[in-house]
Amino acid sequence: VGTTAETVAAGDDSRITGALQKENNLSDLSDTSEALKALGLNSDGTAYKTIVDAIFYVGIIISGEKSPAECFPWQTWTDLSETFADRMVRIGSQYGVTGGSNKVKLDADNLPPHWHRSGDRSPGATWDPNTTHGTDNQKSGPLALTEGTYIDAAGQRDTANKEVDVTNEFVSLGMWKRTG
């Protein structure tokens, strides 16, 4: 026994006939599929399934157009396209946590302090909130001009408070979760 050429340990002992030689990588067999089957490495074999199951374990999520069950029919996979329809998928360490919104409403509190030209929607010089303003009822000092939504006596609103779409740019992917 040793690693010298032409020895059993080297795997190329020419004295042994009718046996597999390692350098031939099973090509010295007349039917390699039968050899793989005998080793459990064909697509129905136990060894093959064990290897695939170790890579694609229960709970793993992968992307792809087709269900992985088409390639691995002994496994069950759930299509997550309905679960995550119209949602962004965030990569993180807390599995299954959801949050956020695609639309938001901005209130007066979300706007920076600002003022408008004098009068009710009329042109003119910029309103200075630190000066005296008004007509018969004079008032001095800063005004909180972004508080609330203005509604006049006729019920007309100054703003419609429409939602702003904040959907991120995205790429759609098919997502599959192994369930069994």
N, C-alpha and C. Protein backbone atom coordinates (compact mmCIF):
# COMPACT_ATOMS: atom_id res chain seq x y z
N VAL A 1 0.86 -1.17 0.00
CA VAL A 1 0.00 0.00 0.00
C VAL A 1 0.90 1.23 0.00
N GLY A 2 0.54 2.19 -0.82
CA GLY A 2 1.29 3.42 -0.93
C GLY A 2 0.67 4.30 -1.98
N THR A 3 1.34 5.34 -2.32
CA THR A 3 0.83 6.25 -3.34
C THR A 3 1.64 6.16 -4.62
N THR A 4 2.46 5.17 -4.72
CA THR A 4 3.26 4.98 -5.91
C THR A 4 2.37 4.57 -7.07
N ALA A 5 2.70 5.03 -8.26
CA ALA A 5 1.94 4.67 -9.46
C ALA A 5 1.86 3.17 -9.60
N GLU A 6 0.79 2.71 -10.23
CA GLU A 6 0.54 1.29 -10.46
C GLU A 6 0.29 0.54 -9.15
N THR A 7 -0.31 1.22 -8.15
CA THR A 7 -0.65 0.56 -6.89
C THR A 7 -2.13 0.74 -6.61
N VAL A 8 -2.65 -0.08 -5.71
CA VAL A 8 -4.06 0.01 -5.33
C VAL A 8 -4.36 1.38 -4.72
N ALA A 9 -3.48 1.88 -3.86
CA ALA A 9 -3.70 3.17 -3.20
C ALA A 9 -3.74 4.31 -4.20
N ALA A 10 -2.97 4.23 -5.24
CA ALA A 10 -2.96 5.28 -6.26
C ALA A 10 -4.20 5.18 -7.14
N GLY A 11 -4.88 4.06 -7.10
CA GLY A 11 -6.10 3.88 -7.87
C GLY A 11 -5.87 3.55 -9.32
N ASP A 12 -4.67 3.20 -9.69
CA ASP A 12 -4.41 2.87 -11.10
C ASP A 12 -3.61 1.57 -11.22
N ASP A 13 -3.91 0.63 -10.37
CA ASP A 13 -3.21 -0.66 -10.40
C ASP A 13 -3.70 -1.44 -11.62
N SER A 14 -2.84 -1.60 -12.61
CA SER A 14 -3.22 -2.28 -13.85
C SER A 14 -3.44 -3.77 -13.65
N ARG A 15 -3.06 -4.28 -12.50
CA ARG A 15 -3.29 -5.71 -12.22
C ARG A 15 -4.76 -5.97 -11.93
N ILE A 16 -5.49 -4.89 -11.54
CA ILE A 16 -6.92 -5.06 -11.24
C ILE A 16 -7.69 -4.80 -12.53
N THR A 17 -8.41 -5.80 -12.97
CA THR A 17 -9.20 -5.66 -14.20
C THR A 17 -10.67 -5.74 -13.86
N GLY A 18 -11.49 -5.11 -14.69
CA GLY A 18 -12.93 -5.14 -14.49
C GLY A 18 -13.41 -4.23 -13.37
N ALA A 19 -12.55 -3.39 -12.83
CA ALA A 19 -12.92 -2.46 -11.76
C ALA A 19 -12.85 -1.03 -12.28
N LEU A 20 -13.55 -0.15 -11.62
CA LEU A 20 -13.54 1.26 -12.02
C LEU A 20 -12.18 1.87 -11.73
N GLN A 21 -11.78 2.76 -12.60
CA GLN A 21 -10.55 3.50 -12.40
C GLN A 21 -10.93 4.96 -12.14
N LYS A 22 -10.35 5.59 -11.12
CA LYS A 22 -10.79 6.92 -10.70
C LYS A 22 -10.63 7.97 -11.79
N GLU A 23 -9.61 7.88 -12.61
CA GLU A 23 -9.41 8.89 -13.64
C GLU A 23 -10.48 8.84 -14.73
N ASN A 24 -11.22 7.75 -14.78
CA ASN A 24 -12.28 7.62 -15.80
C ASN A 24 -13.61 8.25 -15.35
N ASN A 25 -13.73 8.57 -14.06
CA ASN A 25 -14.91 9.26 -13.54
C ASN A 25 -16.22 8.61 -13.99
N LEU A 26 -16.31 7.31 -13.83
CA LEU A 26 -17.46 6.47 -14.18
C LEU A 26 -17.65 6.29 -15.69
N SER A 27 -16.80 6.88 -16.51
CA SER A 27 -16.98 6.72 -17.96
C SER A 27 -16.61 5.32 -18.43
N ASP A 28 -15.96 4.54 -17.58
CA ASP A 28 -15.64 3.17 -17.96
C ASP A 28 -16.82 2.22 -17.71
N LEU A 29 -17.96 2.77 -17.32
CA LEU A 29 -19.17 1.97 -17.17
C LEU A 29 -20.00 2.04 -18.44
N SER A 30 -20.70 0.98 -18.73
CA SER A 30 -21.55 0.99 -19.92
C SER A 30 -22.82 1.81 -19.68
N ASP A 31 -23.30 1.91 -18.42
CA ASP A 31 -24.52 2.66 -18.12
C ASP A 31 -24.29 3.51 -16.86
N THR A 32 -23.86 4.76 -17.06
CA THR A 32 -23.56 5.64 -15.91
C THR A 32 -24.81 5.99 -15.11
N SER A 33 -25.96 6.05 -15.76
CA SER A 33 -27.19 6.37 -15.03
C SER A 33 -27.52 5.28 -14.01
N GLU A 34 -27.22 4.04 -14.34
CA GLU A 34 -27.43 2.95 -13.38
C GLU A 34 -26.48 3.08 -12.20
N ALA A 35 -25.25 3.52 -12.46
CA ALA A 35 -24.28 3.71 -11.38
C ALA A 35 -24.74 4.84 -10.46
N LEU A 36 -25.21 5.95 -11.03
CA LEU A 36 -25.73 7.06 -10.22
C LEU A 36 -26.92 6.61 -9.39
N LYS A 37 -27.79 5.79 -10.00
CA LYS A 37 -28.95 5.28 -9.30
C LYS A 37 -28.52 4.40 -8.13
N ALA A 38 -27.53 3.55 -8.36
CA ALA A 38 -27.04 2.66 -7.30
C ALA A 38 -26.43 3.46 -6.15
N LEU A 39 -25.85 4.62 -6.47
CA LEU A 39 -25.27 5.48 -5.44
C LEU A 39 -26.30 6.41 -4.79
N GLY A 40 -27.53 6.41 -5.32
CA GLY A 40 -28.57 7.31 -4.80
C GLY A 40 -28.42 8.73 -5.29
N LEU A 41 -27.66 8.92 -6.38
CA LEU A 41 -27.40 10.27 -6.89
C LEU A 41 -28.21 10.63 -8.13
N ASN A 42 -29.12 9.77 -8.55
CA ASN A 42 -30.02 10.14 -9.65
C ASN A 42 -31.09 11.08 -9.09
N SER A 43 -31.90 11.68 -9.96
CA SER A 43 -32.87 12.69 -9.50
C SER A 43 -33.93 12.13 -8.56
N ASP A 44 -34.10 10.82 -8.51
CA ASP A 44 -35.03 10.20 -7.56
C ASP A 44 -34.32 9.61 -6.35
N GLY A 45 -33.00 9.70 -6.33
CA GLY A 45 -32.22 9.05 -5.29
C GLY A 45 -32.23 9.77 -3.96
N THR A 46 -32.08 9.02 -2.92
CA THR A 46 -32.07 9.55 -1.56
C THR A 46 -30.92 10.52 -1.34
N ALA A 47 -29.74 10.18 -1.82
CA ALA A 47 -28.57 11.06 -1.62
C ALA A 47 -28.78 12.39 -2.35
N TYR A 48 -29.30 12.32 -3.58
CA TYR A 48 -29.56 13.53 -4.36
C TYR A 48 -30.56 14.43 -3.62
N LYS A 49 -31.66 13.84 -3.16
CA LYS A 49 -32.69 14.60 -2.45
C LYS A 49 -32.14 15.21 -1.16
N THR A 50 -31.30 14.48 -0.48
CA THR A 50 -30.70 14.98 0.76
C THR A 50 -29.84 16.20 0.50
N ILE A 51 -29.06 16.14 -0.58
CA ILE A 51 -28.21 17.28 -0.95
C ILE A 51 -29.06 18.49 -1.31
N VAL A 52 -30.07 18.29 -2.16
CA VAL A 52 -30.95 19.39 -2.59
C VAL A 52 -31.71 19.96 -1.39
N ASP A 53 -32.21 19.09 -0.51
CA ASP A 53 -32.95 19.56 0.67
C ASP A 53 -32.06 20.35 1.63
N ALA A 54 -30.78 20.04 1.67
CA ALA A 54 -29.86 20.80 2.53
C ALA A 54 -29.63 22.20 1.96
N ILE A 55 -29.64 22.32 0.64
CA ILE A 55 -29.45 23.63 0.00
C ILE A 55 -30.74 24.44 0.05
N PHE A 56 -31.86 23.81 -0.32
CA PHE A 56 -33.17 24.47 -0.33
C PHE A 56 -33.99 23.97 0.86
N TYR A 57 -33.62 24.41 2.06
CA TYR A 57 -34.25 23.96 3.30
C TYR A 57 -35.63 24.60 3.47
N VAL A 58 -36.47 24.00 4.31
CA VAL A 58 -37.81 24.52 4.59
C VAL A 58 -37.67 25.91 5.21
N GLY A 59 -38.38 26.88 4.64
CA GLY A 59 -38.35 28.27 5.11
C GLY A 59 -37.55 29.19 4.21
N ILE A 60 -36.71 28.64 3.33
CA ILE A 60 -35.91 29.49 2.45
C ILE A 60 -36.81 30.18 1.43
N ILE A 61 -36.46 31.40 1.07
CA ILE A 61 -37.19 32.15 0.05
C ILE A 61 -36.22 32.42 -1.09
N ILE A 62 -36.65 32.09 -2.31
CA ILE A 62 -35.82 32.33 -3.48
C ILE A 62 -36.66 33.03 -4.54
N SER A 63 -35.99 33.65 -5.50
CA SER A 63 -36.71 34.32 -6.58
C SER A 63 -36.59 33.50 -7.85
N GLY A 64 -37.58 33.63 -8.71
CA GLY A 64 -37.57 32.93 -9.98
C GLY A 64 -38.95 32.96 -10.60
N GLU A 65 -38.99 32.76 -11.91
CA GLU A 65 -40.27 32.77 -12.63
C GLU A 65 -41.11 31.53 -12.33
N LYS A 66 -40.45 30.38 -12.26
CA LYS A 66 -41.16 29.11 -12.09
C LYS A 66 -41.02 28.59 -10.67
N SER A 67 -42.00 27.80 -10.27
CA SER A 67 -41.93 27.17 -8.97
C SER A 67 -40.77 26.18 -8.94
N PRO A 68 -39.96 26.22 -7.90
CA PRO A 68 -38.89 25.23 -7.77
C PRO A 68 -39.42 23.80 -7.70
N ALA A 69 -40.71 23.63 -7.37
CA ALA A 69 -41.31 22.29 -7.32
C ALA A 69 -41.31 21.63 -8.69
N GLU A 70 -41.18 22.42 -9.76
CA GLU A 70 -41.08 21.83 -11.10
C GLU A 70 -39.77 21.06 -11.24
N CYS A 71 -38.72 21.53 -10.59
CA CYS A 71 -37.42 20.83 -10.63
C CYS A 71 -37.30 19.81 -9.51
N PHE A 72 -37.93 20.10 -8.38
CA PHE A 72 -37.82 19.24 -7.20
C PHE A 72 -39.23 18.86 -6.74
N PRO A 73 -39.86 17.91 -7.43
CA PRO A 73 -41.28 17.62 -7.19
C PRO A 73 -41.60 17.06 -5.80
N TRP A 74 -40.64 16.60 -5.04
CA TRP A 74 -40.91 16.10 -3.69
C TRP A 74 -41.02 17.25 -2.68
N GLN A 75 -40.67 18.47 -3.10
CA GLN A 75 -40.75 19.63 -2.21
C GLN A 75 -42.03 20.41 -2.49
N THR A 76 -42.52 21.13 -1.48
CA THR A 76 -43.66 22.03 -1.69
C THR A 76 -43.19 23.47 -1.52
N TRP A 77 -43.66 24.32 -2.42
CA TRP A 77 -43.28 25.73 -2.45
C TRP A 77 -44.53 26.58 -2.55
N THR A 78 -44.54 27.73 -1.88
CA THR A 78 -45.65 28.67 -1.92
C THR A 78 -45.24 29.90 -2.72
N ASP A 79 -46.11 30.32 -3.64
CA ASP A 79 -45.88 31.53 -4.43
C ASP A 79 -46.20 32.74 -3.55
N LEU A 80 -45.22 33.61 -3.36
CA LEU A 80 -45.40 34.78 -2.49
C LEU A 80 -45.87 36.01 -3.25
N SER A 81 -46.18 35.89 -4.54
CA SER A 81 -46.56 37.07 -5.32
C SER A 81 -47.85 37.70 -4.79
N GLU A 82 -48.77 36.91 -4.28
CA GLU A 82 -49.99 37.48 -3.71
C GLU A 82 -49.72 38.09 -2.33
N THR A 83 -48.87 37.45 -1.56
CA THR A 83 -48.54 37.94 -0.22
C THR A 83 -47.89 39.31 -0.27
N PHE A 84 -47.02 39.51 -1.26
CA PHE A 84 -46.28 40.77 -1.35
C PHE A 84 -46.73 41.63 -2.52
N ALA A 85 -47.94 41.39 -3.06
CA ALA A 85 -48.42 42.19 -4.19
C ALA A 85 -48.46 43.67 -3.80
N ASP A 86 -47.95 44.52 -4.66
CA ASP A 86 -47.93 45.98 -4.47
C ASP A 86 -47.17 46.41 -3.21
N ARG A 87 -46.23 45.61 -2.77
CA ARG A 87 -45.42 45.95 -1.60
C ARG A 87 -43.95 45.91 -1.98
N MET A 88 -43.17 46.67 -1.29
CA MET A 88 -41.72 46.61 -1.43
C MET A 88 -41.22 45.51 -0.50
N VAL A 89 -40.22 44.80 -0.92
CA VAL A 89 -39.60 43.80 -0.05
C VAL A 89 -38.33 44.41 0.51
N ARG A 90 -38.23 44.44 1.81
CA ARG A 90 -37.06 45.02 2.46
C ARG A 90 -36.18 43.89 2.97
N ILE A 91 -34.91 43.98 2.68
CA ILE A 91 -33.97 42.98 3.16
C ILE A 91 -33.55 43.38 4.56
N GLY A 92 -33.69 42.46 5.49
CA GLY A 92 -33.34 42.77 6.87
C GLY A 92 -33.23 41.51 7.70
N SER A 93 -32.97 41.68 8.97
CA SER A 93 -32.77 40.53 9.85
C SER A 93 -34.04 40.10 10.57
N GLN A 94 -35.09 40.91 10.53
CA GLN A 94 -36.34 40.56 11.20
C GLN A 94 -37.33 40.02 10.18
N TYR A 95 -37.38 38.71 10.06
CA TYR A 95 -38.19 38.04 9.06
C TYR A 95 -39.68 38.30 9.27
N GLY A 96 -40.38 38.66 8.20
CA GLY A 96 -41.83 38.81 8.23
C GLY A 96 -42.36 40.12 8.77
N VAL A 97 -41.51 41.04 9.21
CA VAL A 97 -41.97 42.32 9.74
C VAL A 97 -42.47 43.17 8.57
N THR A 98 -43.62 43.82 8.75
CA THR A 98 -44.18 44.68 7.71
C THR A 98 -44.28 46.11 8.22
N GLY A 99 -44.46 47.05 7.30
CA GLY A 99 -44.60 48.44 7.69
C GLY A 99 -44.61 49.35 6.49
N GLY A 100 -44.75 50.63 6.72
CA GLY A 100 -44.71 51.62 5.66
C GLY A 100 -46.03 51.79 4.94
N SER A 101 -46.03 52.69 3.98
CA SER A 101 -47.22 52.99 3.18
C SER A 101 -46.77 53.56 1.85
N ASN A 102 -47.55 53.30 0.81
CA ASN A 102 -47.22 53.87 -0.50
C ASN A 102 -47.76 55.28 -0.66
N LYS A 103 -48.66 55.71 0.23
CA LYS A 103 -49.24 57.05 0.12
C LYS A 103 -49.23 57.70 1.50
N VAL A 104 -49.01 59.00 1.51
CA VAL A 104 -49.04 59.77 2.76
C VAL A 104 -49.84 61.04 2.52
N LYS A 105 -50.40 61.58 3.60
CA LYS A 105 -51.05 62.89 3.54
C LYS A 105 -50.16 63.87 4.28
N LEU A 106 -49.88 64.99 3.64
CA LEU A 106 -49.11 66.04 4.28
C LEU A 106 -50.07 66.99 4.97
N ASP A 107 -49.84 67.25 6.23
CA ASP A 107 -50.62 68.21 6.99
C ASP A 107 -49.84 69.51 7.08
N ALA A 108 -50.48 70.53 7.60
CA ALA A 108 -49.81 71.81 7.77
C ALA A 108 -48.56 71.65 8.63
N ASP A 109 -48.59 70.72 9.59
CA ASP A 109 -47.43 70.49 10.45
C ASP A 109 -46.23 69.93 9.69
N ASN A 110 -46.46 69.36 8.49
CA ASN A 110 -45.37 68.80 7.70
C ASN A 110 -44.70 69.85 6.81
N LEU A 111 -45.28 71.04 6.74
CA LEU A 111 -44.75 72.08 5.86
C LEU A 111 -43.82 73.01 6.64
N PRO A 112 -42.82 73.54 5.97
CA PRO A 112 -41.95 74.50 6.65
C PRO A 112 -42.71 75.81 6.89
N PRO A 113 -42.32 76.60 7.88
CA PRO A 113 -42.98 77.89 8.09
C PRO A 113 -42.87 78.73 6.81
N HIS A 114 -43.96 79.34 6.43
CA HIS A 114 -43.96 80.16 5.21
C HIS A 114 -45.13 81.14 5.25
N TRP A 115 -45.14 82.08 4.33
CA TRP A 115 -46.26 83.01 4.20
C TRP A 115 -46.50 83.27 2.73
N HIS A 116 -47.63 83.90 2.47
CA HIS A 116 -48.06 84.13 1.09
C HIS A 116 -48.16 85.62 0.82
N ARG A 117 -48.40 85.96 -0.41
CA ARG A 117 -48.57 87.37 -0.76
C ARG A 117 -49.81 87.90 -0.06
N SER A 118 -49.91 89.21 0.07
CA SER A 118 -51.00 89.82 0.84
C SER A 118 -52.35 89.51 0.23
N GLY A 119 -53.36 89.51 1.09
CA GLY A 119 -54.73 89.29 0.63
C GLY A 119 -55.03 87.82 0.47
N ASP A 120 -56.28 87.53 0.20
CA ASP A 120 -56.74 86.16 0.02
C ASP A 120 -56.51 85.74 -1.42
N ARG A 121 -55.41 85.10 -1.69
CA ARG A 121 -55.02 84.61 -3.01
C ARG A 121 -54.82 85.74 -4.03
N SER A 122 -54.47 86.92 -3.57
CA SER A 122 -54.31 88.05 -4.49
C SER A 122 -52.83 88.31 -4.73
N PRO A 123 -52.51 88.95 -5.86
CA PRO A 123 -51.11 89.29 -6.11
C PRO A 123 -50.70 90.47 -5.23
N GLY A 124 -49.44 90.68 -5.12
CA GLY A 124 -48.97 91.82 -4.34
C GLY A 124 -47.63 91.52 -3.72
N ALA A 125 -47.22 92.42 -2.84
CA ALA A 125 -45.93 92.26 -2.18
C ALA A 125 -45.98 91.07 -1.23
N THR A 126 -44.82 90.52 -0.94
CA THR A 126 -44.74 89.39 -0.02
C THR A 126 -45.17 89.82 1.37
N TRP A 127 -45.96 89.01 1.99
CA TRP A 127 -46.45 89.27 3.34
C TRP A 127 -45.30 89.09 4.31
N ASP A 128 -45.12 90.06 5.17
CA ASP A 128 -44.10 89.95 6.21
C ASP A 128 -44.83 89.65 7.52
N PRO A 129 -44.70 88.46 8.06
CA PRO A 129 -45.47 88.09 9.24
C PRO A 129 -45.06 88.82 10.51
N ASN A 130 -43.96 89.55 10.47
CA ASN A 130 -43.50 90.25 11.68
C ASN A 130 -43.92 91.72 11.70
N THR A 131 -44.74 92.15 10.76
CA THR A 131 -45.19 93.54 10.75
C THR A 131 -46.67 93.61 11.06
N THR A 132 -47.17 94.83 11.22
CA THR A 132 -48.59 95.03 11.49
C THR A 132 -49.37 94.68 10.23
N HIS A 133 -50.48 93.99 10.39
CA HIS A 133 -51.29 93.61 9.24
C HIS A 133 -52.76 93.61 9.64
N GLY A 134 -53.59 93.65 8.65
CA GLY A 134 -55.03 93.68 8.89
C GLY A 134 -55.62 94.97 8.35
N THR A 135 -56.89 95.20 8.66
CA THR A 135 -57.56 96.43 8.22
C THR A 135 -58.01 97.19 9.46
N ASP A 136 -59.28 97.06 9.83
CA ASP A 136 -59.78 97.76 11.00
C ASP A 136 -59.24 97.14 12.30
N ASN A 137 -58.97 95.87 12.26
CA ASN A 137 -58.47 95.16 13.45
C ASN A 137 -56.98 94.90 13.25
N GLN A 138 -56.17 95.82 13.70
CA GLN A 138 -54.73 95.70 13.53
C GLN A 138 -54.18 94.60 14.43
N LYS A 139 -53.17 93.88 13.94
CA LYS A 139 -52.52 92.85 14.74
C LYS A 139 -51.04 92.91 14.44
N SER A 140 -50.23 92.73 15.44
CA SER A 140 -48.79 92.71 15.26
C SER A 140 -48.25 91.36 15.70
N GLY A 141 -47.10 90.97 15.14
CA GLY A 141 -46.44 89.73 15.55
C GLY A 141 -46.58 88.64 14.51
N PRO A 142 -45.84 87.55 14.72
CA PRO A 142 -45.87 86.45 13.74
C PRO A 142 -47.20 85.72 13.76
N LEU A 143 -47.58 85.21 12.61
CA LEU A 143 -48.81 84.44 12.46
C LEU A 143 -48.47 82.98 12.21
N ALA A 144 -49.30 82.08 12.69
CA ALA A 144 -49.16 80.65 12.38
C ALA A 144 -50.00 80.39 11.13
N LEU A 145 -49.42 80.66 9.98
CA LEU A 145 -50.20 80.60 8.74
C LEU A 145 -50.36 79.20 8.18
N THR A 146 -49.71 78.20 8.75
CA THR A 146 -49.84 76.84 8.21
C THR A 146 -50.62 75.94 9.15
N GLU A 147 -51.38 76.53 10.07
CA GLU A 147 -52.17 75.72 10.99
C GLU A 147 -53.50 75.37 10.36
N GLY A 148 -53.80 74.08 10.31
CA GLY A 148 -55.11 73.62 9.87
C GLY A 148 -55.38 73.83 8.39
N THR A 149 -56.61 73.51 8.01
CA THR A 149 -57.06 73.68 6.64
C THR A 149 -58.12 74.77 6.64
N TYR A 150 -57.96 75.77 5.79
CA TYR A 150 -58.90 76.88 5.75
C TYR A 150 -60.18 76.47 5.02
N ILE A 151 -61.33 76.73 5.65
CA ILE A 151 -62.64 76.51 5.02
C ILE A 151 -63.42 77.80 5.18
N ASP A 152 -63.89 78.37 4.04
CA ASP A 152 -64.62 79.65 4.13
C ASP A 152 -66.08 79.42 4.51
N ALA A 153 -66.84 80.51 4.60
CA ALA A 153 -68.24 80.44 5.03
C ALA A 153 -69.09 79.58 4.10
N ALA A 154 -68.72 79.50 2.83
CA ALA A 154 -69.47 78.69 1.87
C ALA A 154 -69.04 77.22 1.92
N GLY A 155 -68.08 76.88 2.77
CA GLY A 155 -67.62 75.51 2.88
C GLY A 155 -66.52 75.15 1.88
N GLN A 156 -66.02 76.15 1.17
CA GLN A 156 -64.97 75.90 0.19
C GLN A 156 -63.63 75.74 0.91
N ARG A 157 -62.91 74.70 0.52
CA ARG A 157 -61.63 74.41 1.18
C ARG A 157 -60.49 75.04 0.41
N ASP A 158 -59.50 75.45 1.15
CA ASP A 158 -58.28 75.99 0.57
C ASP A 158 -57.42 74.87 -0.01
N THR A 159 -57.59 73.65 0.50
CA THR A 159 -56.79 72.51 0.08
C THR A 159 -57.65 71.27 0.01
N ALA A 160 -57.27 70.33 -0.83
CA ALA A 160 -58.01 69.08 -0.95
C ALA A 160 -57.39 67.98 -0.11
N ASN A 161 -56.21 68.22 0.48
CA ASN A 161 -55.50 67.22 1.27
C ASN A 161 -55.37 65.89 0.52
N LYS A 162 -54.93 65.94 -0.72
CA LYS A 162 -54.74 64.72 -1.51
C LYS A 162 -53.49 63.99 -1.03
N GLU A 163 -53.54 62.66 -1.15
CA GLU A 163 -52.38 61.86 -0.78
C GLU A 163 -51.28 62.02 -1.82
N VAL A 164 -50.05 61.90 -1.38
CA VAL A 164 -48.89 61.95 -2.26
C VAL A 164 -48.40 60.52 -2.43
N ASP A 165 -48.22 60.10 -3.67
CA ASP A 165 -47.72 58.75 -3.94
C ASP A 165 -46.21 58.73 -3.70
N VAL A 166 -45.76 57.87 -2.83
CA VAL A 166 -44.34 57.78 -2.51
C VAL A 166 -43.77 56.39 -2.86
N THR A 167 -44.39 55.74 -3.85
CA THR A 167 -43.91 54.42 -4.26
C THR A 167 -42.50 54.53 -4.80
N ASN A 168 -41.62 53.69 -4.30
CA ASN A 168 -40.24 53.67 -4.78
C ASN A 168 -40.17 53.04 -6.16
N GLU A 169 -39.11 53.35 -6.91
CA GLU A 169 -38.86 52.62 -8.15
C GLU A 169 -38.61 51.17 -7.76
N PHE A 170 -39.00 50.25 -8.64
CA PHE A 170 -38.89 48.85 -8.25
C PHE A 170 -38.66 47.95 -9.46
N VAL A 171 -38.28 46.73 -9.17
CA VAL A 171 -38.18 45.64 -10.14
C VAL A 171 -39.02 44.51 -9.58
N SER A 172 -39.91 43.94 -10.39
CA SER A 172 -40.75 42.84 -9.91
C SER A 172 -40.01 41.51 -10.04
N LEU A 173 -40.13 40.70 -9.01
CA LEU A 173 -39.54 39.36 -9.00
C LEU A 173 -40.58 38.36 -8.54
N GLY A 174 -40.50 37.14 -9.07
CA GLY A 174 -41.30 36.05 -8.53
C GLY A 174 -40.59 35.52 -7.30
N MET A 175 -41.32 35.35 -6.20
CA MET A 175 -40.72 34.88 -4.96
C MET A 175 -41.41 33.59 -4.52
N TRP A 176 -40.61 32.64 -4.08
CA TRP A 176 -41.11 31.33 -3.66
C TRP A 176 -40.56 30.98 -2.29
N LYS A 177 -41.42 30.45 -1.42
CA LYS A 177 -40.99 30.02 -0.09
C LYS A 177 -41.20 28.52 0.03
N ARG A 178 -40.16 27.83 0.47
CA ARG A 178 -40.27 26.38 0.66
C ARG A 178 -41.04 26.12 1.94
N THR A 179 -42.13 25.34 1.82
CA THR A 179 -42.99 25.05 2.97
C THR A 179 -42.96 23.58 3.38
N GLY A 180 -42.39 22.74 2.56
CA GLY A 180 -42.34 21.32 2.92
C GLY A 180 -41.53 20.52 1.95
